[in-house]
């Protein structure tokens, strides 16, 4: 770098640079570029497979993804010293297939299941947000005890990973339906075909937000699904990654981000941005 600056200083003299000065400049500039490339090549490249997950990581047009999960992963890459490569918007099922082969290294915002544990190391980083029970806005019943659920025709979303304690409770119910999506559950509730839907809190609010005909049609029940045993969301690191040594670095970096409050800060900022919920008052 010193030689490059010296050569540039001499080239500022009156008249054009001499041939030997130009050759020196080109040689030094090429050396600088090569040095930068070598430094970048020393870092492993980890591929993050992600879908469109409103309020966490979102795609808008052809722009790079945005959201607190993106900020989290960028900080993780900085602390664990790797290059983060984003996928395009990819369905979750395809991400799991890529994780199983090592084509993708990372996923985020994952609940724990035994099947996922077989595919990847699940590294906890944030406490899980409990699901919510929605009723029709006109339904004035006060639901605040688990025993009251037996009186209701309830809907849950197929293939979503609920709290195991909650699912055990629901499977004992005779009036329990599963649907393919949160929107399908809300449609059944809006039409009065069921009494309540139990769905993920954050993504369900986003479904309501983007479907005006659902605005102010529902209210949240008072019942809380926060059980004594804490549940966490995880970053998944493929067991078939080409960089298995990164597991220890990832764990260390994630722990440091939890301990110094980085994770809570990033997700708290997003919570503060949330506008109207479009729910009826309780």
Protein backbone atom coordinates (compact mmCIF):
# COMPACT_ATOMS: atom_id res chain seq x y z
CA UNK A 1 0.00 0.00 0.00
CA UNK A 2 2.91 2.39 0.83
CA UNK A 3 4.50 1.71 -2.56
CA UNK A 4 1.20 2.34 -4.32
CA UNK A 5 0.73 5.68 -2.58
CA UNK A 6 4.32 6.67 -3.39
CA UNK A 7 3.84 5.86 -7.07
CA UNK A 8 0.63 7.86 -7.14
CA UNK A 9 2.41 10.84 -5.56
CA UNK A 10 5.08 10.85 -8.24
CA UNK A 11 2.44 10.61 -10.96
CA UNK A 12 1.08 13.95 -9.80
CA UNK A 13 4.19 15.69 -11.15
CA UNK A 14 3.69 17.87 -14.29
CA UNK A 15 3.24 15.74 -17.37
CA UNK A 16 1.99 12.17 -17.82
CA UNK A 17 3.25 9.20 -15.80
CA UNK A 18 6.32 7.57 -17.18
CA UNK A 19 6.01 3.99 -18.55
CA UNK A 20 7.88 2.48 -15.60
CA UNK A 21 5.55 4.31 -13.22
CA UNK A 22 2.47 2.99 -15.01
CA UNK A 23 3.87 -0.54 -14.90
CA UNK A 24 4.55 -0.15 -11.18
CA UNK A 25 1.03 1.17 -10.57
CA UNK A 26 -0.58 -1.71 -12.47
CA UNK A 27 1.58 -4.26 -10.68
CA UNK A 28 0.82 -2.85 -7.25
CA UNK A 29 -2.90 -2.49 -8.00
CA UNK A 30 -3.06 -6.10 -9.20
CA UNK A 31 -1.27 -7.18 -6.03
CA UNK A 32 -3.80 -5.26 -3.90
CA UNK A 33 -6.77 -6.87 -5.65
CA UNK A 34 -5.21 -10.31 -5.29
CA UNK A 35 -4.62 -9.70 -1.58
CA UNK A 36 -8.29 -8.75 -1.09
CA UNK A 37 -9.46 -11.85 -2.97
CA UNK A 38 -7.18 -14.11 -0.93
CA UNK A 39 -8.51 -12.66 2.32
CA UNK A 40 -12.12 -13.22 1.17
CA UNK A 41 -11.28 -16.74 -0.03
CA UNK A 42 -10.01 -17.59 3.46
CA UNK A 43 -13.54 -17.24 4.83
CA UNK A 44 -16.01 -20.11 4.36
CA UNK A 45 -19.18 -19.31 2.44
CA UNK A 46 -22.36 -20.49 4.20
CA UNK A 47 -25.57 -20.62 2.18
CA UNK A 48 -28.74 -19.48 3.93
CA UNK A 49 -31.95 -20.90 2.49
CA UNK A 50 -34.94 -18.69 3.29
CA UNK A 51 -38.55 -18.20 2.35
CA UNK A 52 -40.75 -15.11 2.68
CA UNK A 53 -41.60 -14.88 6.38
CA UNK A 54 -43.43 -11.59 7.08
CA UNK A 55 -41.95 -9.42 9.84
CA UNK A 56 -38.88 -11.62 10.11
CA UNK A 57 -37.30 -11.99 6.67
CA UNK A 58 -39.14 -10.62 3.66
CA UNK A 59 -38.59 -10.42 -0.07
CA UNK A 60 -39.88 -7.42 -2.01
CA UNK A 61 -39.44 -7.74 -5.74
CA UNK A 62 -35.90 -8.52 -6.78
CA UNK A 63 -34.36 -6.72 -3.84
CA UNK A 64 -32.28 -8.56 -1.21
CA UNK A 65 -34.23 -9.83 1.80
CA UNK A 66 -34.84 -7.49 4.73
CA UNK A 67 -35.98 -7.88 8.32
CA UNK A 68 -34.61 -8.65 11.79
CA UNK A 69 -33.63 -12.19 10.79
CA UNK A 70 -31.45 -10.72 8.02
CA UNK A 71 -29.82 -8.30 10.48
CA UNK A 72 -29.30 -11.20 12.87
CA UNK A 73 -27.62 -13.38 10.24
CA UNK A 74 -25.39 -10.56 9.03
CA UNK A 75 -24.18 -9.98 12.59
CA UNK A 76 -23.70 -13.73 13.02
CA UNK A 77 -21.56 -13.82 9.86
CA UNK A 78 -19.44 -10.97 11.19
CA UNK A 79 -18.86 -12.57 14.58
CA UNK A 80 -18.33 -16.12 13.31
CA UNK A 81 -16.17 -14.86 10.43
CA UNK A 82 -17.89 -16.31 7.38
CA UNK A 83 -19.41 -15.03 4.15
CA UNK A 84 -23.21 -15.17 4.16
CA UNK A 85 -24.83 -16.14 0.84
CA UNK A 86 -28.61 -15.64 0.50
CA UNK A 87 -30.90 -17.89 -1.49
CA UNK A 88 -33.70 -16.51 -3.62
CA UNK A 89 -37.20 -16.82 -2.18
CA UNK A 90 -37.44 -20.57 -1.61
CA UNK A 91 -40.32 -22.72 -0.27
CA UNK A 92 -39.59 -24.15 3.17
CA UNK A 93 -39.92 -27.76 1.99
CA UNK A 94 -37.23 -27.18 -0.62
CA UNK A 95 -34.98 -25.55 1.99
CA UNK A 96 -35.24 -28.69 4.12
CA UNK A 97 -34.26 -30.82 1.11
CA UNK A 98 -31.25 -28.58 0.47
CA UNK A 99 -30.27 -28.78 4.14
CA UNK A 100 -30.47 -32.59 3.98
CA UNK A 101 -27.94 -32.71 1.13
CA UNK A 102 -25.64 -29.90 2.28
CA UNK A 103 -26.59 -27.69 -0.66
CA UNK A 104 -27.76 -25.19 1.97
CA UNK A 105 -26.02 -24.67 5.29
CA UNK A 106 -28.40 -22.50 7.31
CA UNK A 107 -32.07 -21.90 8.10
CA UNK A 108 -33.60 -19.65 10.78
CA UNK A 109 -36.75 -19.25 12.89
CA UNK A 110 -37.17 -22.99 13.37
CA UNK A 111 -39.12 -24.76 16.09
CA UNK A 112 -37.60 -27.97 17.37
CA UNK A 113 -38.70 -31.37 16.08
CA UNK A 114 -36.97 -34.75 16.16
CA UNK A 115 -37.06 -34.90 12.36
CA UNK A 116 -35.31 -31.55 12.01
CA UNK A 117 -32.74 -32.58 14.60
CA UNK A 118 -31.72 -35.43 12.31
CA UNK A 119 -31.06 -33.01 9.43
CA UNK A 120 -29.34 -30.18 11.26
CA UNK A 121 -27.91 -28.91 14.49
CA UNK A 122 -30.59 -26.74 16.08
CA UNK A 123 -28.98 -23.78 17.83
CA UNK A 124 -31.42 -21.84 20.08
CA UNK A 125 -31.28 -18.06 19.98
CA UNK A 126 -34.66 -16.62 20.99
CA UNK A 127 -37.67 -17.62 23.06
CA UNK A 128 -40.66 -18.86 21.11
CA UNK A 129 -43.76 -16.65 20.87
CA UNK A 130 -46.80 -18.69 22.04
CA UNK A 131 -49.65 -19.33 19.64
CA UNK A 132 -52.95 -17.43 19.90
CA UNK A 133 -56.58 -18.50 20.04
CA UNK A 134 -58.90 -16.37 17.90
CA UNK A 135 -62.68 -16.22 18.24
CA UNK A 136 -65.28 -14.40 16.19
CA UNK A 137 -65.58 -10.74 17.17
CA UNK A 138 -69.21 -11.32 18.18
CA UNK A 139 -68.35 -14.30 20.41
CA UNK A 140 -68.41 -12.89 23.94
CA UNK A 141 -67.40 -16.08 25.76
CA UNK A 142 -64.53 -15.62 28.19
CA UNK A 143 -62.06 -18.40 27.41
CA UNK A 144 -59.28 -18.43 29.98
CA UNK A 145 -59.00 -22.07 31.09
CA UNK A 146 -57.71 -25.07 29.13
CA UNK A 147 -60.73 -27.06 30.28
CA UNK A 148 -62.97 -24.70 28.30
CA UNK A 149 -61.39 -25.77 25.00
CA UNK A 150 -63.42 -29.00 25.08
CA UNK A 151 -66.53 -26.88 24.44
CA UNK A 152 -65.14 -25.45 21.21
CA UNK A 153 -64.79 -26.64 17.62
CA UNK A 154 -61.15 -25.77 17.03
CA UNK A 155 -58.87 -25.51 14.01
CA UNK A 156 -55.07 -25.79 13.79
CA UNK A 157 -52.71 -25.57 10.82
CA UNK A 158 -51.39 -28.79 9.36
CA UNK A 159 -47.57 -29.20 9.36
CA UNK A 160 -46.98 -26.29 11.73
CA UNK A 161 -44.93 -27.28 14.79
CA UNK A 162 -47.07 -26.47 17.81
CA UNK A 163 -46.05 -26.83 21.42
CA UNK A 164 -46.18 -30.61 22.12
CA UNK A 165 -48.16 -30.02 25.33
CA UNK A 166 -50.78 -28.09 23.39
CA UNK A 167 -51.00 -30.72 20.65
CA UNK A 168 -51.46 -33.49 23.21
CA UNK A 169 -54.31 -31.51 24.68
CA UNK A 170 -55.93 -30.89 21.29
CA UNK A 171 -55.64 -34.49 20.11
CA UNK A 172 -57.85 -35.53 22.99
CA UNK A 173 -60.57 -33.24 21.65
CA UNK A 174 -63.31 -34.65 19.49
CA UNK A 175 -63.96 -31.37 17.69
CA UNK A 176 -60.54 -30.62 16.25
CA UNK A 177 -59.88 -29.94 12.56
CA UNK A 178 -56.65 -29.38 10.65
CA UNK A 179 -56.40 -27.10 7.62
CA UNK A 180 -53.62 -26.34 5.16
CA UNK A 181 -53.10 -22.69 6.06
CA UNK A 182 -53.88 -19.95 8.56
CA UNK A 183 -56.03 -18.20 5.96
CA UNK A 184 -58.15 -21.34 5.49
CA UNK A 185 -58.67 -21.50 9.26
CA UNK A 186 -59.74 -17.86 9.41
CA UNK A 187 -62.22 -18.41 6.58
CA UNK A 188 -63.87 -21.26 8.48
CA UNK A 189 -64.07 -19.08 11.58
CA UNK A 190 -65.44 -16.10 9.66
CA UNK A 191 -68.20 -18.27 8.22
CA UNK A 192 -69.08 -19.66 11.65
CA UNK A 193 -68.19 -23.25 10.81
CA UNK A 194 -65.82 -23.46 13.79
CA UNK A 195 -65.58 -21.66 17.13
CA UNK A 196 -61.89 -20.84 17.19
CA UNK A 197 -58.53 -21.12 15.45
CA UNK A 198 -55.19 -21.67 17.17
CA UNK A 199 -52.44 -20.28 14.97
CA UNK A 200 -48.94 -18.71 15.13
CA UNK A 201 -49.28 -15.24 16.59
CA UNK A 202 -47.06 -13.15 14.32
CA UNK A 203 -47.82 -14.71 10.95
CA UNK A 204 -51.57 -14.80 11.70
CA UNK A 205 -51.61 -11.03 12.24
CA UNK A 206 -49.90 -10.64 8.90
CA UNK A 207 -52.58 -12.80 7.22
CA UNK A 208 -55.29 -10.57 8.68
CA UNK A 209 -53.41 -7.42 7.68
CA UNK A 210 -53.21 -8.46 4.01
CA UNK A 211 -56.83 -9.61 3.73
CA UNK A 212 -59.14 -6.62 4.26
CA UNK A 213 -62.27 -8.79 4.43
CA UNK A 214 -60.83 -10.24 7.67
CA UNK A 215 -60.31 -6.88 9.35
CA UNK A 216 -62.04 -6.63 12.74
CA UNK A 217 -63.77 -9.99 12.25
CA UNK A 218 -61.92 -11.68 15.13
CA UNK A 219 -60.66 -11.12 18.63
CA UNK A 220 -58.00 -12.83 20.69
CA UNK A 221 -59.13 -15.01 23.57
CA UNK A 222 -57.72 -14.34 27.02
CA UNK A 223 -56.27 -17.85 27.24
CA UNK A 224 -52.47 -17.97 27.14
CA UNK A 225 -50.57 -20.91 25.68
CA UNK A 226 -47.39 -20.11 27.56
CA UNK A 227 -46.46 -23.35 29.31
CA UNK A 228 -43.93 -23.75 32.17
CA UNK A 229 -41.32 -25.36 29.92
CA UNK A 230 -39.67 -22.72 27.75
CA UNK A 231 -39.51 -23.24 24.01
CA UNK A 232 -37.04 -21.61 21.66
CA UNK A 233 -36.63 -20.84 17.99
CA UNK A 234 -33.42 -22.01 16.41
CA UNK A 235 -30.86 -21.43 13.71
CA UNK A 236 -30.40 -24.70 11.86
CA UNK A 237 -26.92 -25.71 10.67
CA UNK A 238 -26.84 -28.62 8.23
CA UNK A 239 -25.23 -31.84 9.43
CA UNK A 240 -24.06 -32.27 5.83
CA UNK A 241 -22.44 -28.83 5.51
CA UNK A 242 -19.11 -28.65 3.72
CA UNK A 243 -17.87 -26.64 6.69
CA UNK A 244 -18.59 -28.79 9.77
CA UNK A 245 -15.96 -26.96 11.83
CA UNK A 246 -18.19 -23.87 11.72
CA UNK A 247 -20.62 -25.39 14.23
CA UNK A 248 -18.49 -24.39 17.23
CA UNK A 249 -18.00 -20.85 15.88
CA UNK A 250 -21.71 -20.47 15.24
CA UNK A 251 -22.60 -21.62 18.74
CA UNK A 252 -20.08 -19.24 20.29
CA UNK A 253 -21.27 -16.29 18.21
CA UNK A 254 -24.95 -16.99 18.89
CA UNK A 255 -24.31 -17.27 22.64
CA UNK A 256 -22.49 -13.94 22.62
CA UNK A 257 -25.37 -12.28 20.75
CA UNK A 258 -27.87 -13.62 23.28
CA UNK A 259 -25.75 -12.62 26.27
CA UNK A 260 -25.05 -9.06 25.13
CA UNK A 261 -28.71 -8.43 24.20
CA UNK A 262 -28.19 -8.19 20.43
CA UNK A 263 -30.93 -10.72 19.64
CA UNK A 264 -33.50 -9.06 21.87
CA UNK A 265 -32.60 -5.62 20.53
CA UNK A 266 -33.04 -6.63 16.88
CA UNK A 267 -36.40 -8.29 17.42
CA UNK A 268 -37.65 -5.62 19.84
CA UNK A 269 -37.11 -2.96 17.18
CA UNK A 270 -39.30 -4.95 14.80
CA UNK A 271 -42.01 -5.33 17.45
CA UNK A 272 -42.08 -1.55 17.90
CA UNK A 273 -42.77 -1.10 14.18
CA UNK A 274 -45.97 -3.15 14.24
CA UNK A 275 -48.99 -1.06 13.31
CA UNK A 276 -52.69 -1.83 13.83
CA UNK A 277 -53.58 -5.50 14.34
CA UNK A 278 -57.04 -5.14 12.73
CA UNK A 279 -58.54 -7.17 15.60
CA UNK A 280 -61.76 -6.36 17.43
CA UNK A 281 -61.33 -5.14 20.98
CA UNK A 282 -61.57 -7.79 23.65
